[in-house]
């Protein structure tokens, strides 16, 4: 019965979430400490992302790497990210994200320190929920100060 969030871009959804979750997480950081508050938030966000990956698989009506790429197009809506495609095959997708408006948005909201937890940390669990045979490797993110995010998706062969 929930709202059809596919009508808005993921950037807008993350901003709405950040405006609610960010102050809550910061308050918990003050009360129980930064490390513990972020650990709890990360656990909840990871579980939500894994479930989101399963829902994404159902919407995609498939679990291939190509299905995943098509299903995640919403993340780029409203020029949310600018990426250079390095490789695209049914077994491997490699891309470098060179602009991330998600990172810009968290900075503008005064939540730069929460951006990784609220957005980037979801990626691995989302992929796992979509298809555990897809492996994501990423060694750096713009959110953490790098000049680009290096996404490398590989579909494990049976």
N, C-alpha and C. Protein backbone atom coordinates (compact mmCIF):
# COMPACT_ATOMS: atom_id res chain seq x y z
N UNK A 1 0.80 -1.18 0.00
CA UNK A 1 0.00 0.00 0.00
C UNK A 1 0.85 1.26 0.00
N UNK A 2 2.16 1.13 0.09
CA UNK A 2 3.03 2.29 0.16
C UNK A 2 3.04 3.09 -1.13
N UNK A 3 3.62 4.27 -1.04
CA UNK A 3 3.74 5.16 -2.19
C UNK A 3 4.66 4.55 -3.24
N UNK A 4 4.41 4.91 -4.49
CA UNK A 4 5.27 4.45 -5.58
C UNK A 4 6.45 5.40 -5.68
N UNK A 5 7.53 5.06 -4.99
CA UNK A 5 8.70 5.92 -4.95
C UNK A 5 9.47 5.94 -6.26
N UNK A 6 9.15 5.04 -7.18
CA UNK A 6 9.85 5.02 -8.46
C UNK A 6 9.57 6.28 -9.28
N UNK A 7 8.56 7.04 -8.87
CA UNK A 7 8.23 8.26 -9.59
C UNK A 7 9.20 9.40 -9.28
N UNK A 8 9.92 9.28 -8.17
CA UNK A 8 10.92 10.29 -7.86
C UNK A 8 12.29 9.67 -8.02
N UNK A 9 13.28 10.49 -8.24
CA UNK A 9 14.64 9.99 -8.36
C UNK A 9 15.19 9.56 -7.02
N UNK A 10 16.21 8.73 -7.07
CA UNK A 10 16.84 8.24 -5.84
C UNK A 10 17.50 9.39 -5.08
N UNK A 11 18.01 10.38 -5.79
CA UNK A 11 18.63 11.54 -5.14
C UNK A 11 17.61 12.25 -4.25
N UNK A 12 16.42 12.48 -4.77
CA UNK A 12 15.36 13.13 -3.98
C UNK A 12 14.96 12.24 -2.80
N UNK A 13 14.87 10.95 -3.03
CA UNK A 13 14.52 10.03 -1.94
C UNK A 13 15.57 10.07 -0.85
N UNK A 14 16.85 10.03 -1.23
CA UNK A 14 17.92 10.06 -0.24
C UNK A 14 17.92 11.38 0.53
N UNK A 15 17.57 12.48 -0.12
CA UNK A 15 17.52 13.75 0.60
C UNK A 15 16.40 13.74 1.65
N UNK A 16 15.25 13.25 1.26
CA UNK A 16 14.14 13.14 2.21
C UNK A 16 14.54 12.27 3.40
N UNK A 17 15.15 11.13 3.11
CA UNK A 17 15.59 10.23 4.18
C UNK A 17 16.63 10.90 5.07
N UNK A 18 17.59 11.61 4.45
CA UNK A 18 18.67 12.25 5.21
C UNK A 18 18.14 13.33 6.14
N UNK A 19 17.13 14.05 5.70
CA UNK A 19 16.56 15.12 6.53
C UNK A 19 15.88 14.56 7.78
N UNK A 20 15.50 13.30 7.74
CA UNK A 20 14.90 12.65 8.91
C UNK A 20 15.96 11.85 9.67
N UNK A 21 16.65 10.96 8.98
CA UNK A 21 17.60 10.06 9.63
C UNK A 21 18.83 10.79 10.16
N UNK A 22 19.30 11.80 9.43
CA UNK A 22 20.52 12.50 9.84
C UNK A 22 20.43 13.09 11.24
N UNK A 23 19.41 13.90 11.53
CA UNK A 23 19.30 14.45 12.88
C UNK A 23 19.12 13.37 13.95
N UNK A 24 18.40 12.31 13.62
CA UNK A 24 18.23 11.22 14.57
C UNK A 24 19.58 10.56 14.89
N UNK A 25 20.33 10.26 13.84
CA UNK A 25 21.64 9.62 14.04
C UNK A 25 22.56 10.53 14.83
N UNK A 26 22.56 11.82 14.51
CA UNK A 26 23.41 12.77 15.25
C UNK A 26 23.02 12.83 16.72
N UNK A 27 21.73 12.79 17.01
CA UNK A 27 21.27 12.80 18.40
C UNK A 27 21.73 11.53 19.12
N UNK A 28 21.63 10.39 18.44
CA UNK A 28 22.09 9.14 19.04
C UNK A 28 23.62 9.16 19.25
N UNK A 29 24.33 9.80 18.32
CA UNK A 29 25.79 9.92 18.47
C UNK A 29 26.13 10.68 19.74
N UNK A 30 25.36 11.72 20.04
CA UNK A 30 25.58 12.50 21.26
C UNK A 30 25.26 11.67 22.50
N UNK A 31 24.20 10.89 22.43
CA UNK A 31 23.74 10.13 23.61
C UNK A 31 24.54 8.86 23.87
N UNK A 32 24.84 8.09 22.81
CA UNK A 32 25.48 6.79 23.03
C UNK A 32 26.87 6.67 22.41
N UNK A 33 27.32 7.73 21.78
CA UNK A 33 28.64 7.72 21.17
C UNK A 33 28.57 7.50 19.67
N UNK A 34 29.51 8.12 18.98
CA UNK A 34 29.53 8.07 17.52
C UNK A 34 29.66 6.66 16.98
N UNK A 35 30.60 5.91 17.50
CA UNK A 35 30.86 4.57 16.97
C UNK A 35 29.64 3.66 17.09
N UNK A 36 29.03 3.64 18.26
CA UNK A 36 27.88 2.76 18.49
C UNK A 36 26.67 3.21 17.67
N UNK A 37 26.43 4.52 17.61
CA UNK A 37 25.30 5.04 16.83
C UNK A 37 25.46 4.70 15.35
N UNK A 38 26.66 4.87 14.82
CA UNK A 38 26.88 4.55 13.40
C UNK A 38 26.79 3.05 13.16
N UNK A 39 27.23 2.25 14.11
CA UNK A 39 27.14 0.80 13.99
C UNK A 39 25.68 0.36 13.90
N UNK A 40 24.84 0.92 14.75
CA UNK A 40 23.42 0.58 14.74
C UNK A 40 22.77 1.04 13.43
N UNK A 41 23.04 2.30 13.06
CA UNK A 41 22.47 2.83 11.82
C UNK A 41 22.91 1.99 10.62
N UNK A 42 24.18 1.62 10.59
CA UNK A 42 24.70 0.82 9.49
C UNK A 42 24.01 -0.53 9.41
N UNK A 43 23.76 -1.14 10.54
CA UNK A 43 23.07 -2.43 10.55
C UNK A 43 21.67 -2.33 9.98
N UNK A 44 20.94 -1.30 10.37
CA UNK A 44 19.58 -1.10 9.86
C UNK A 44 19.61 -0.80 8.37
N UNK A 45 20.49 0.10 7.96
CA UNK A 45 20.56 0.50 6.55
C UNK A 45 20.98 -0.67 5.67
N UNK A 46 21.91 -1.48 6.15
CA UNK A 46 22.35 -2.66 5.39
C UNK A 46 21.20 -3.66 5.21
N UNK A 47 20.45 -3.88 6.27
CA UNK A 47 19.31 -4.81 6.17
C UNK A 47 18.27 -4.27 5.20
N UNK A 48 18.00 -2.98 5.26
CA UNK A 48 17.05 -2.37 4.31
C UNK A 48 17.56 -2.50 2.87
N UNK A 49 18.85 -2.29 2.68
CA UNK A 49 19.42 -2.38 1.33
C UNK A 49 19.33 -3.80 0.78
N UNK A 50 19.59 -4.79 1.61
CA UNK A 50 19.49 -6.18 1.17
C UNK A 50 18.06 -6.50 0.72
N UNK A 51 17.09 -6.06 1.51
CA UNK A 51 15.69 -6.25 1.13
C UNK A 51 15.36 -5.46 -0.14
N UNK A 52 15.92 -4.26 -0.25
CA UNK A 52 15.72 -3.46 -1.45
C UNK A 52 16.27 -4.15 -2.69
N UNK A 53 17.38 -4.86 -2.53
CA UNK A 53 17.95 -5.62 -3.64
C UNK A 53 17.03 -6.73 -4.09
N UNK A 54 16.39 -7.40 -3.14
CA UNK A 54 15.44 -8.46 -3.47
C UNK A 54 14.23 -7.89 -4.21
N UNK A 55 13.74 -6.74 -3.74
CA UNK A 55 12.62 -6.08 -4.41
C UNK A 55 13.01 -5.63 -5.81
N UNK A 56 14.23 -5.13 -5.95
CA UNK A 56 14.72 -4.69 -7.25
C UNK A 56 14.78 -5.86 -8.23
N UNK A 57 15.21 -7.03 -7.74
CA UNK A 57 15.27 -8.24 -8.57
C UNK A 57 13.87 -8.60 -9.07
N UNK A 58 12.88 -8.51 -8.20
CA UNK A 58 11.50 -8.81 -8.60
C UNK A 58 11.01 -7.81 -9.65
N UNK A 59 11.30 -6.55 -9.44
CA UNK A 59 10.89 -5.53 -10.41
C UNK A 59 11.60 -5.72 -11.76
N UNK A 60 12.86 -6.14 -11.70
CA UNK A 60 13.64 -6.35 -12.92
C UNK A 60 13.22 -7.60 -13.66
N UNK A 61 12.52 -8.48 -12.96
CA UNK A 61 12.08 -9.75 -13.54
C UNK A 61 13.27 -10.54 -14.06
N UNK A 62 14.35 -10.50 -13.32
CA UNK A 62 15.56 -11.24 -13.66
C UNK A 62 16.66 -10.87 -12.70
N UNK A 63 17.74 -11.65 -12.69
CA UNK A 63 18.82 -11.36 -11.76
C UNK A 63 20.19 -11.33 -12.42
N UNK A 64 20.21 -11.11 -13.73
CA UNK A 64 21.49 -11.02 -14.43
C UNK A 64 22.14 -9.67 -14.15
N UNK A 65 23.36 -9.54 -14.53
CA UNK A 65 24.08 -8.28 -14.37
C UNK A 65 23.46 -7.19 -15.26
N UNK A 66 23.01 -7.58 -16.44
CA UNK A 66 22.34 -6.63 -17.34
C UNK A 66 21.00 -6.19 -16.72
N UNK A 67 20.26 -7.12 -16.12
CA UNK A 67 19.02 -6.77 -15.42
C UNK A 67 19.31 -5.77 -14.30
N UNK A 68 20.39 -6.01 -13.58
CA UNK A 68 20.78 -5.12 -12.48
C UNK A 68 21.07 -3.71 -13.02
N UNK A 69 21.82 -3.63 -14.09
CA UNK A 69 22.16 -2.33 -14.67
C UNK A 69 20.90 -1.56 -15.09
N UNK A 70 19.97 -2.26 -15.70
CA UNK A 70 18.72 -1.61 -16.11
C UNK A 70 17.90 -1.18 -14.91
N UNK A 71 17.85 -2.03 -13.89
CA UNK A 71 17.02 -1.76 -12.72
C UNK A 71 17.55 -0.61 -11.87
N UNK A 72 18.82 -0.34 -11.96
CA UNK A 72 19.40 0.71 -11.13
C UNK A 72 19.48 2.06 -11.86
N UNK A 73 18.87 2.17 -13.00
CA UNK A 73 18.90 3.43 -13.75
C UNK A 73 18.32 4.59 -12.94
N UNK A 74 17.40 4.28 -12.03
CA UNK A 74 16.78 5.32 -11.20
C UNK A 74 17.82 6.08 -10.37
N UNK A 75 18.93 5.44 -10.05
CA UNK A 75 19.98 6.10 -9.25
C UNK A 75 20.59 7.29 -9.98
N UNK A 76 20.51 7.27 -11.32
CA UNK A 76 21.12 8.33 -12.12
C UNK A 76 20.13 9.43 -12.49
N UNK A 77 18.86 9.22 -12.20
CA UNK A 77 17.83 10.20 -12.55
C UNK A 77 18.22 11.58 -12.00
N UNK A 78 17.87 12.62 -12.72
CA UNK A 78 18.16 14.01 -12.34
C UNK A 78 19.67 14.28 -12.30
N UNK A 79 20.41 13.59 -13.17
CA UNK A 79 21.88 13.74 -13.23
C UNK A 79 22.53 13.53 -11.87
N UNK A 80 22.02 12.57 -11.11
CA UNK A 80 22.52 12.31 -9.77
C UNK A 80 23.97 11.86 -9.77
N UNK A 81 24.37 11.12 -10.80
CA UNK A 81 25.77 10.71 -10.93
C UNK A 81 26.21 10.85 -12.39
N UNK A 82 27.48 11.10 -12.54
CA UNK A 82 28.10 11.09 -13.87
C UNK A 82 29.14 9.98 -13.83
N UNK A 83 29.01 9.03 -14.74
CA UNK A 83 29.90 7.87 -14.74
C UNK A 83 30.47 7.62 -16.12
N UNK A 84 31.71 7.14 -16.13
CA UNK A 84 32.36 6.70 -17.35
C UNK A 84 32.33 5.18 -17.36
N UNK A 85 31.73 4.62 -18.40
CA UNK A 85 31.66 3.17 -18.53
C UNK A 85 33.00 2.66 -19.03
N UNK A 86 33.61 1.77 -18.29
CA UNK A 86 34.90 1.20 -18.63
C UNK A 86 34.72 -0.11 -19.39
N UNK A 87 33.76 -0.93 -18.92
CA UNK A 87 33.50 -2.24 -19.53
C UNK A 87 32.05 -2.64 -19.26
N UNK A 88 31.40 -3.20 -20.28
CA UNK A 88 30.03 -3.68 -20.10
C UNK A 88 29.86 -4.95 -20.89
N UNK A 89 29.81 -6.06 -20.17
CA UNK A 89 29.54 -7.37 -20.77
C UNK A 89 28.51 -8.05 -19.88
N UNK A 90 27.93 -9.16 -20.32
CA UNK A 90 26.99 -9.87 -19.44
C UNK A 90 27.63 -10.39 -18.15
N UNK A 91 28.96 -10.49 -18.14
CA UNK A 91 29.66 -11.00 -16.96
C UNK A 91 30.35 -9.93 -16.12
N UNK A 92 30.54 -8.74 -16.70
CA UNK A 92 31.31 -7.72 -15.97
C UNK A 92 30.87 -6.32 -16.39
N UNK A 93 30.65 -5.49 -15.38
CA UNK A 93 30.39 -4.08 -15.61
C UNK A 93 31.38 -3.30 -14.75
N UNK A 94 32.13 -2.44 -15.39
CA UNK A 94 33.08 -1.60 -14.69
C UNK A 94 32.79 -0.15 -15.05
N UNK A 95 32.72 0.69 -14.04
CA UNK A 95 32.50 2.11 -14.31
C UNK A 95 33.14 2.94 -13.21
N UNK A 96 33.47 4.16 -13.59
CA UNK A 96 34.02 5.12 -12.65
C UNK A 96 33.04 6.28 -12.56
N UNK A 97 32.56 6.53 -11.37
CA UNK A 97 31.66 7.66 -11.16
C UNK A 97 32.54 8.87 -10.85
N UNK A 98 32.40 9.90 -11.68
CA UNK A 98 33.27 11.07 -11.57
C UNK A 98 32.58 12.27 -10.93
N UNK A 99 31.26 12.23 -10.86
CA UNK A 99 30.51 13.26 -10.13
C UNK A 99 29.39 12.56 -9.37
N UNK A 100 29.25 12.94 -8.13
CA UNK A 100 28.22 12.33 -7.28
C UNK A 100 27.44 13.45 -6.59
N UNK A 101 26.24 13.68 -7.07
CA UNK A 101 25.41 14.71 -6.45
C UNK A 101 24.89 14.25 -5.10
N UNK A 102 24.94 12.95 -4.83
CA UNK A 102 24.60 12.46 -3.49
C UNK A 102 25.59 13.07 -2.48
N UNK A 103 26.88 12.96 -2.78
CA UNK A 103 27.91 13.53 -1.90
C UNK A 103 27.72 15.03 -1.76
N UNK A 104 27.43 15.70 -2.87
CA UNK A 104 27.20 17.15 -2.83
C UNK A 104 26.00 17.48 -1.94
N UNK A 105 24.95 16.70 -2.06
CA UNK A 105 23.74 16.94 -1.29
C UNK A 105 24.00 16.77 0.21
N UNK A 106 24.72 15.71 0.60
CA UNK A 106 25.01 15.52 2.02
C UNK A 106 25.87 16.67 2.56
N UNK A 107 26.82 17.14 1.77
CA UNK A 107 27.63 18.29 2.20
C UNK A 107 26.74 19.52 2.38
N UNK A 108 25.86 19.78 1.41
CA UNK A 108 24.97 20.94 1.48
C UNK A 108 24.05 20.87 2.71
N UNK A 109 23.66 19.67 3.10
CA UNK A 109 22.79 19.49 4.27
C UNK A 109 23.57 19.51 5.58
N UNK A 110 24.90 19.63 5.50
CA UNK A 110 25.72 19.60 6.71
C UNK A 110 25.87 18.21 7.28
N UNK A 111 25.76 17.20 6.41
CA UNK A 111 25.82 15.80 6.86
C UNK A 111 26.89 15.01 6.11
N UNK A 112 27.96 15.69 5.72
CA UNK A 112 29.00 15.00 4.95
C UNK A 112 29.51 13.76 5.66
N UNK A 113 29.61 13.84 7.00
CA UNK A 113 30.15 12.70 7.76
C UNK A 113 29.19 11.51 7.79
N UNK A 114 27.93 11.72 7.41
CA UNK A 114 26.96 10.63 7.40
C UNK A 114 26.69 10.08 6.00
N UNK A 115 27.18 10.76 4.98
CA UNK A 115 26.88 10.38 3.60
C UNK A 115 27.25 8.95 3.27
N UNK A 116 28.42 8.52 3.69
CA UNK A 116 28.84 7.15 3.39
C UNK A 116 27.88 6.15 4.03
N UNK A 117 27.55 6.37 5.29
CA UNK A 117 26.65 5.47 6.01
C UNK A 117 25.26 5.45 5.38
N UNK A 118 24.75 6.63 5.03
CA UNK A 118 23.39 6.73 4.51
C UNK A 118 23.26 6.28 3.05
N UNK A 119 24.33 6.34 2.29
CA UNK A 119 24.23 5.98 0.86
C UNK A 119 25.21 4.89 0.43
N UNK A 120 26.49 5.19 0.45
CA UNK A 120 27.49 4.29 -0.15
C UNK A 120 27.52 2.90 0.49
N UNK A 121 27.35 2.86 1.80
CA UNK A 121 27.47 1.59 2.51
C UNK A 121 26.36 0.61 2.14
N UNK A 122 25.31 1.08 1.49
CA UNK A 122 24.21 0.22 1.07
C UNK A 122 24.57 -0.67 -0.12
N UNK A 123 25.50 -0.20 -0.91
CA UNK A 123 25.73 -0.80 -2.23
C UNK A 123 25.99 -2.30 -2.19
N UNK A 124 26.84 -2.74 -1.30
CA UNK A 124 27.21 -4.15 -1.26
C UNK A 124 26.02 -5.03 -0.86
N UNK A 125 25.26 -4.58 0.14
CA UNK A 125 24.10 -5.36 0.58
C UNK A 125 23.01 -5.37 -0.49
N UNK A 126 22.83 -4.26 -1.19
CA UNK A 126 21.83 -4.20 -2.25
C UNK A 126 22.17 -5.21 -3.35
N UNK A 127 23.43 -5.24 -3.75
CA UNK A 127 23.88 -6.19 -4.78
C UNK A 127 23.66 -7.62 -4.28
N UNK A 128 24.01 -7.89 -3.04
CA UNK A 128 23.83 -9.23 -2.47
C UNK A 128 22.36 -9.63 -2.48
N UNK A 129 21.48 -8.69 -2.14
CA UNK A 129 20.05 -8.98 -2.15
C UNK A 129 19.53 -9.22 -3.55
N UNK A 130 20.09 -8.49 -4.52
CA UNK A 130 19.66 -8.66 -5.91
C UNK A 130 20.07 -10.02 -6.45
N UNK A 131 21.34 -10.36 -6.26
CA UNK A 131 21.85 -11.65 -6.71
C UNK A 131 23.17 -11.92 -6.00
N UNK A 132 23.22 -12.89 -5.08
CA UNK A 132 24.45 -13.18 -4.35
C UNK A 132 25.61 -13.62 -5.24
N UNK A 133 25.32 -13.94 -6.50
CA UNK A 133 26.40 -14.34 -7.41
C UNK A 133 27.05 -13.14 -8.11
N UNK A 134 26.53 -11.95 -7.85
CA UNK A 134 27.17 -10.74 -8.36
C UNK A 134 28.08 -10.22 -7.26
N UNK A 135 29.33 -10.00 -7.62
CA UNK A 135 30.29 -9.46 -6.67
C UNK A 135 30.57 -8.01 -7.02
N UNK A 136 30.54 -7.15 -6.01
CA UNK A 136 30.91 -5.75 -6.18
C UNK A 136 32.24 -5.52 -5.51
N UNK A 137 33.13 -4.89 -6.26
CA UNK A 137 34.39 -4.42 -5.68
C UNK A 137 34.42 -2.92 -5.88
N UNK A 138 34.74 -2.22 -4.82
CA UNK A 138 34.88 -0.76 -4.89
C UNK A 138 35.92 -0.39 -3.86
N UNK A 139 36.96 0.31 -4.30
CA UNK A 139 38.06 0.63 -3.40
C UNK A 139 38.04 2.07 -2.92
N UNK A 140 37.21 2.92 -3.55
CA UNK A 140 37.20 4.32 -3.16
C UNK A 140 35.88 4.97 -3.55
N UNK A 141 35.54 6.04 -2.85
CA UNK A 141 34.32 6.78 -3.17
C UNK A 141 34.57 8.27 -3.10
N UNK A 142 33.81 8.99 -3.87
CA UNK A 142 33.83 10.45 -3.80
C UNK A 142 33.40 10.89 -2.40
N UNK A 143 32.44 10.19 -1.84
CA UNK A 143 31.91 10.52 -0.52
C UNK A 143 33.02 10.53 0.52
N UNK A 144 34.02 9.67 0.33
CA UNK A 144 35.13 9.59 1.28
C UNK A 144 36.32 10.45 0.87
N UNK A 145 36.14 11.26 -0.19
CA UNK A 145 37.19 12.19 -0.59
C UNK A 145 37.97 11.84 -1.85
N UNK A 146 37.70 10.70 -2.46
CA UNK A 146 38.40 10.33 -3.69
C UNK A 146 37.86 11.15 -4.86
N UNK A 147 38.61 11.17 -5.96
CA UNK A 147 38.15 11.93 -7.13
C UNK A 147 37.13 11.17 -7.95
N UNK A 148 36.97 9.87 -7.68
CA UNK A 148 35.94 9.07 -8.34
C UNK A 148 35.65 7.81 -7.54
N UNK A 149 34.50 7.21 -7.82
CA UNK A 149 34.14 5.91 -7.25
C UNK A 149 34.43 4.85 -8.31
N UNK A 150 35.06 3.78 -7.93
CA UNK A 150 35.40 2.72 -8.89
C UNK A 150 34.53 1.49 -8.64
N UNK A 151 33.47 1.39 -9.40
CA UNK A 151 32.54 0.27 -9.29
C UNK A 151 32.95 -0.84 -10.25
N UNK A 152 33.10 -2.06 -9.72
CA UNK A 152 33.43 -3.21 -10.53
C UNK A 152 32.48 -4.34 -10.13
N UNK A 153 31.56 -4.67 -11.03
CA UNK A 153 30.57 -5.72 -10.81
C UNK A 153 30.96 -6.92 -11.64
N UNK A 154 30.97 -8.09 -11.04
CA UNK A 154 31.31 -9.32 -11.75
C UNK A 154 30.27 -10.38 -11.40
N UNK A 155 29.77 -11.04 -12.43
CA UNK A 155 28.82 -12.14 -12.22
C UNK A 155 29.60 -13.43 -12.14
N UNK A 156 29.48 -14.11 -11.01
CA UNK A 156 30.14 -15.39 -10.78
C UNK A 156 29.58 -16.41 -11.75
N UNK A 157 30.45 -17.16 -12.37
CA UNK A 157 30.01 -18.21 -13.30
C UNK A 157 29.61 -19.44 -12.53
N UNK A 158 28.57 -20.11 -13.02
CA UNK A 158 28.09 -21.33 -12.35
C UNK A 158 29.06 -22.47 -12.49
